[in-house]
Amino acid sequence: MNDFAAALRDLNEAGVRFVVVGGLAVIRHGAVRATKDVDVAVATDAANLALLTALIERWESTNPDGTPLRSDDLVVAGALQLRTRHCFVDILSERLLPAPFADVLDRADRKRIDGVEAPICSLVDLVAMKRATGRASDELDLERLREALGTLPGDPA
């Protein structure tokens, strides 16, 4: 059930403006880690949310436990966790980004994930996001990135 490429292809084909964040971004920046989902941050303007809502319906998405979605509304400052026919997808509000969505998208690297091109959160923005959460899993991601890359943006000299 982990066809990340299909989920990314669908996002691209639907015209949704998104940036890959989370585990896949950590991996694409060189760290060794596993992931069970696709995490994307999306622009929250009305047009983009309409495209996203239509895609969520096409995916016949449910809550992660398989129960019907109570709502497909993206909480303005939160996340929407979905089970899709391809894989689990976490949709994050642009408000969870360290900078305005347009800036994060401009800094993103276009890379391939399983053969599908997608905008990958820049290392600077990814590190800022990971540092802002304070979660143990994000601290571990920072350590993995540091092992792979040496110092990270914002590390003491």
Protein backbone atom coordinates (compact mmCIF):
# COMPACT_ATOMS: atom_id res chain seq x y z
CA MET A 1 0.00 0.00 0.00
CA ASN A 2 3.00 2.37 -0.14
CA ASP A 3 2.93 3.68 -3.68
CA PHE A 4 4.39 7.09 -2.94
CA ALA A 5 4.98 7.73 -6.65
CA ALA A 6 1.28 7.32 -7.46
CA ALA A 7 0.27 9.77 -4.74
CA LEU A 8 2.81 12.35 -5.94
CA ARG A 9 1.79 11.80 -9.57
CA ASP A 10 -1.85 12.42 -8.61
CA LEU A 11 -0.94 15.64 -6.77
CA ASN A 12 1.01 16.84 -9.81
CA GLU A 13 -1.72 15.90 -12.29
CA ALA A 14 -4.40 17.55 -10.14
CA GLY A 15 -2.42 20.80 -10.23
CA VAL A 16 -2.14 21.01 -6.44
CA ARG A 17 0.62 23.35 -5.29
CA PHE A 18 2.58 21.39 -2.68
CA VAL A 19 6.03 20.81 -1.23
CA VAL A 20 7.22 17.45 0.09
CA VAL A 21 8.25 17.69 3.74
CA GLY A 22 8.75 15.07 6.44
CA GLY A 23 10.39 11.68 6.00
CA LEU A 24 10.64 11.69 2.21
CA ALA A 25 12.35 15.09 2.31
CA VAL A 26 14.76 13.84 4.98
CA ILE A 27 15.59 10.84 2.78
CA ARG A 28 16.04 12.97 -0.37
CA HIS A 29 18.50 15.16 1.57
CA GLY A 30 20.66 12.10 2.23
CA ALA A 31 19.63 10.62 5.57
CA VAL A 32 18.91 6.95 5.94
CA ARG A 33 15.45 6.38 7.38
CA ALA A 34 12.18 4.62 6.65
CA THR A 35 8.83 6.31 6.21
CA LYS A 36 5.27 5.10 6.01
CA ASP A 37 3.64 8.14 4.44
CA VAL A 38 3.94 11.14 2.18
CA ASP A 39 3.96 14.45 4.04
CA VAL A 40 3.16 17.50 1.95
CA ALA A 41 2.58 21.12 2.83
CA VAL A 42 0.07 22.86 0.59
CA ALA A 43 -0.85 26.40 -0.31
CA THR A 44 -4.11 27.25 1.46
CA ASP A 45 -5.61 29.66 -1.04
CA ALA A 46 -9.16 28.81 -2.13
CA ALA A 47 -8.20 27.62 -5.62
CA ASN A 48 -5.53 25.21 -4.36
CA LEU A 49 -7.79 23.88 -1.62
CA ALA A 50 -10.52 23.23 -4.20
CA LEU A 51 -8.06 21.18 -6.28
CA LEU A 52 -6.95 19.31 -3.17
CA THR A 53 -10.55 18.62 -2.08
CA ALA A 54 -11.37 17.18 -5.51
CA LEU A 55 -8.30 14.93 -5.32
CA ILE A 56 -9.18 13.75 -1.82
CA GLU A 57 -12.60 12.74 -3.17
CA ARG A 58 -11.04 10.95 -6.17
CA TRP A 59 -8.76 9.08 -3.82
CA GLU A 60 -11.82 8.02 -1.79
CA SER A 61 -9.76 8.95 1.25
CA THR A 62 -10.56 7.85 4.77
CA ASN A 63 -9.12 8.54 8.18
CA PRO A 64 -5.91 6.57 8.80
CA ASP A 65 -7.90 3.89 10.67
CA GLY A 66 -10.17 3.37 7.65
CA THR A 67 -13.20 5.17 9.05
CA PRO A 68 -14.94 7.75 6.84
CA LEU A 69 -13.54 11.27 6.89
CA ARG A 70 -15.59 13.53 9.11
CA SER A 71 -14.30 16.44 7.11
CA ASP A 72 -11.80 17.03 4.34
CA ASP A 73 -11.18 20.54 5.59
CA LEU A 74 -7.58 21.37 6.25
CA VAL A 75 -7.33 23.00 9.64
CA VAL A 76 -5.77 26.39 9.01
CA ALA A 77 -2.85 25.77 11.35
CA GLY A 78 -2.90 21.99 11.35
CA ALA A 79 -2.77 18.80 9.37
CA LEU A 80 -5.12 16.35 7.72
CA GLN A 81 -4.10 12.70 7.89
CA LEU A 82 -5.47 10.51 5.11
CA ARG A 83 -5.48 6.91 4.01
CA THR A 84 -5.61 6.90 0.22
CA ARG A 85 -5.68 4.03 -2.25
CA HIS A 86 -1.92 4.56 -2.73
CA CYS A 87 -0.54 5.22 0.74
CA PHE A 88 -0.99 7.33 3.83
CA VAL A 89 -0.78 11.06 3.04
CA ASP A 90 -0.41 13.81 5.62
CA ILE A 91 -1.46 17.22 4.34
CA LEU A 92 0.03 20.10 6.32
CA SER A 93 -1.20 23.65 6.32
CA GLU A 94 1.23 26.21 4.99
CA ARG A 95 1.02 27.82 8.42
CA LEU A 96 3.23 25.00 9.72
CA LEU A 97 6.03 26.10 7.40
CA PRO A 98 8.91 28.29 8.62
CA ALA A 99 8.18 30.87 5.90
CA PRO A 100 5.37 31.77 3.48
CA PHE A 101 4.46 28.88 1.16
CA ALA A 102 5.59 30.74 -1.98
CA ASP A 103 9.06 31.23 -0.47
CA VAL A 104 9.32 27.58 0.60
CA LEU A 105 8.22 26.47 -2.87
CA ASP A 106 10.74 28.81 -4.53
CA ARG A 107 13.56 27.33 -2.43
CA ALA A 108 12.42 23.74 -2.98
CA ASP A 109 14.53 21.38 -5.06
CA ARG A 110 12.75 19.52 -7.84
CA LYS A 111 13.81 15.91 -7.43
CA ARG A 112 12.45 12.53 -8.36
CA ILE A 113 10.87 10.22 -5.84
CA ASP A 114 10.32 6.76 -7.27
CA GLY A 115 10.52 8.30 -10.74
CA VAL A 116 8.06 11.16 -10.13
CA GLU A 117 9.31 14.73 -10.02
CA ALA A 118 8.19 16.67 -6.95
CA PRO A 119 9.26 19.81 -5.10
CA ILE A 120 11.31 18.76 -2.06
CA CYS A 121 11.57 21.15 0.86
CA SER A 122 14.99 22.81 0.94
CA LEU A 123 17.39 21.73 3.65
CA VAL A 124 17.18 25.15 5.32
CA ASP A 125 13.38 25.00 5.54
CA LEU A 126 13.31 21.31 6.49
CA VAL A 127 15.75 21.86 9.36
CA ALA A 128 13.76 24.88 10.56
CA MET A 129 10.55 22.81 10.53
CA LYS A 130 12.16 19.93 12.38
CA ARG A 131 13.65 22.25 15.03
CA ALA A 132 10.33 24.04 15.59
CA THR A 133 8.36 20.93 16.57
CA GLY A 134 10.42 19.72 19.50
CA ARG A 135 9.27 16.13 18.85
CA ALA A 136 11.69 13.30 19.53
CA SER A 137 11.20 11.91 16.01
CA ASP A 138 12.17 15.25 14.50
CA GLU A 139 15.25 15.47 16.73
CA LEU A 140 16.22 12.01 15.47
CA ASP A 141 15.77 13.21 11.87
CA LEU A 142 18.09 16.13 12.60
CA GLU A 143 20.70 13.73 13.96
CA ARG A 144 20.37 11.54 10.86
CA LEU A 145 20.77 14.57 8.61
CA ARG A 146 23.80 15.71 10.61
CA GLU A 147 25.37 12.25 10.25
CA ALA A 148 24.78 12.36 6.48
CA LEU A 149 25.75 15.96 5.83
CA GLY A 150 27.95 17.13 8.68
CA THR A 151 26.69 20.44 9.99
CA LEU A 152 23.18 21.68 9.36
CA PRO A 153 21.94 25.20 8.65
CA GLY A 154 21.75 27.03 11.96
CA ASP A 155 24.15 24.71 13.81
CA PRO A 156 26.62 26.51 16.08
CA ALA A 157 29.97 27.09 14.39
